């Protein structure tokens, strides 16, 4: 870690008296503010990188000869940014503002109500010009840093021309606040009495200020998920949700409308060790998704209580459980549940363990807190190093723009930008490959299912000019491919309860995803009334398939720490026929460990070493001596390491 008390000076101007911090090191105010797209895109070399053909013989198995670490991930740093003309001086950070231009004439023409700034952790209304309220970025890219091998910034519309280090990302949330020295090129924000903070109350007050923007009221938070016998609210199943036939909402786009609201749910065990890094991360999510957006999102911590610890107890006992398990600042956004609650709601399924039924508690949550349009499920063994509002906004926009024609087929691919070309060229490739083949077009029939999704406008996809579905919100958004598991050797292809083996189905590995209220209602209703159980990774995708709802795999940037060429990766990771990519006996998802040498090199996957390696270096941690594959020394000669601002990093630890 590079630290020094002799910081490079910035231009300084005083804070107002009302917002002056108690820090002894002043922060320059105002910072320059940069928005997505403000920094010109670097010219991209569009020559497809096919210089390496797969070798004719690999004794260790396919793709093993170039299973070699790429040390360009671990060299360099902020001093090597392409925007930094003087590589002896640290670049200046800039405030990053990806939010809409709230209350502008254009915004008012689209949305009802008025945006009101919310109070932040420092006791003042959040100000998007204040560096103590906003994360900072640096312009440019690190010289010679590898491009993402899977997914693409341009496909999603993500900003690829800014970067962050650990200070610009987390310092306003308490990172390094107790260190006596500052990092080169960075000034500390004022300290916050975090142990006195109440994030749940801040979120509640934020909604109250902005309630005119939303159609529904906010439901008060209970300490626990309750069994059905104690559920006083009207179920969102039936006529209110699941059984209501889909109707087009395109006409509403002509008039101002209410904004949607999303619950963001972190699933944790009661025994989780709340490290400083976890706490900084959760604080950042609350600030950037909920408070800065005026309550478009609300963040919750859903705690799975084990060891036969009761939760249906007095308020004092629940408070004791919070005191034992959860940092005080998060108490009022925490909800406990246990296996007994799941069994009470879903007795006919017969399975309630998280590995098999990860969505059951989220389904119950959606019934107890029905006033959300969407439910995001996130995990605390993942990290997003960029601005999550920007990432979610672009993921939602990408999904909304996707036409339904050949959507399920595109969903199955790992999109390799430097092999498949730009997204429109990739769509053309899939289109041409599907000539003469059957495609999913509308609901896929299943016994005892009456689809609620829209009927296709024409009889077959060949008659549609990629128009159907454009502008339609996705009922499911996921970040890894959606594939047909039935003929694969994936871990759980036939893990079903009261569902016939021949039933069509789809799977999306890693359950971090967004699910709409109506899709969540369908899943809940089927488990309550019919006892249908499908393993976690198959649940939302399969129900979307049966009901003709829109499900989208978003091709976010994923880095690969290896020497494989794009063409080689595209072939290794997209196996089988075009109408069933990775849906056969040679599927990349087969759990026979033949592809572990690639799986462990990805920055986002259910099990990966690279995500841990990259994140540890980005945080300035020493290399883990227990990591057998980690042979590259820690480099900091060129400044702090950083990543591009839009990657989703997943690590099993």
Foldseek 3Di string as FASTA:
>chain_A
DFFDQPADDDDADADPPVPGFPDPWDDHPQFAEDEFPPDDDDDDDQQQFPPDDFDPDDPLAGPPVFLDFDCLQFAFAQLQFPVHPHSVAGAAWGFYDHADPFPDPVLVQAFWFGADFFADQSGDGADSRDLLQGQIWGFGDGPPRDFFQFFHCVLLVHRFGIWDFPCSQQQSLPPCPPPPTGGHNDDGGHDGPLLPAALLVRLQVLCVVGVRQADDDFDADDQALAAPVPQPDDFCFDPNFQPAFDDDPVVVRNGHYHQFAEEEEEEEELADDCDPVLSSQVSLCSSQPRRRRSRSYDYAYEYEYDPPDDDPDDPVVSVVSCVSRPRNNRSRRYYYDYVVRLCSLFVLQVDDDCQFCVCSVVLSVCRSGVRGFKYFYDYSLWGARFRVVSQVVSLQLSLLQFFPQCQLLVLQARHRCSAQPHPVSVVVVLVVLCVPHDAQAFADADPPDDARYDHHPDDGSVVDPSPHRRRPGAQKEAAHGKAWALAEQAPFNQVWGQGDSVQTWIFGPDLRMMHGSNLSSVLSCCSRPPVIGGGRRTRSRGSCRRRRTGHHHRTFRKHFRTDDRSVSCRDQQFDDGSNGTLHHHSRPNNPPCSCVSGQQRIQDDLAHVNVVVSVCQSNVHADDPPPPPPDDHRYAPSHRRIDGNTDMGGHND
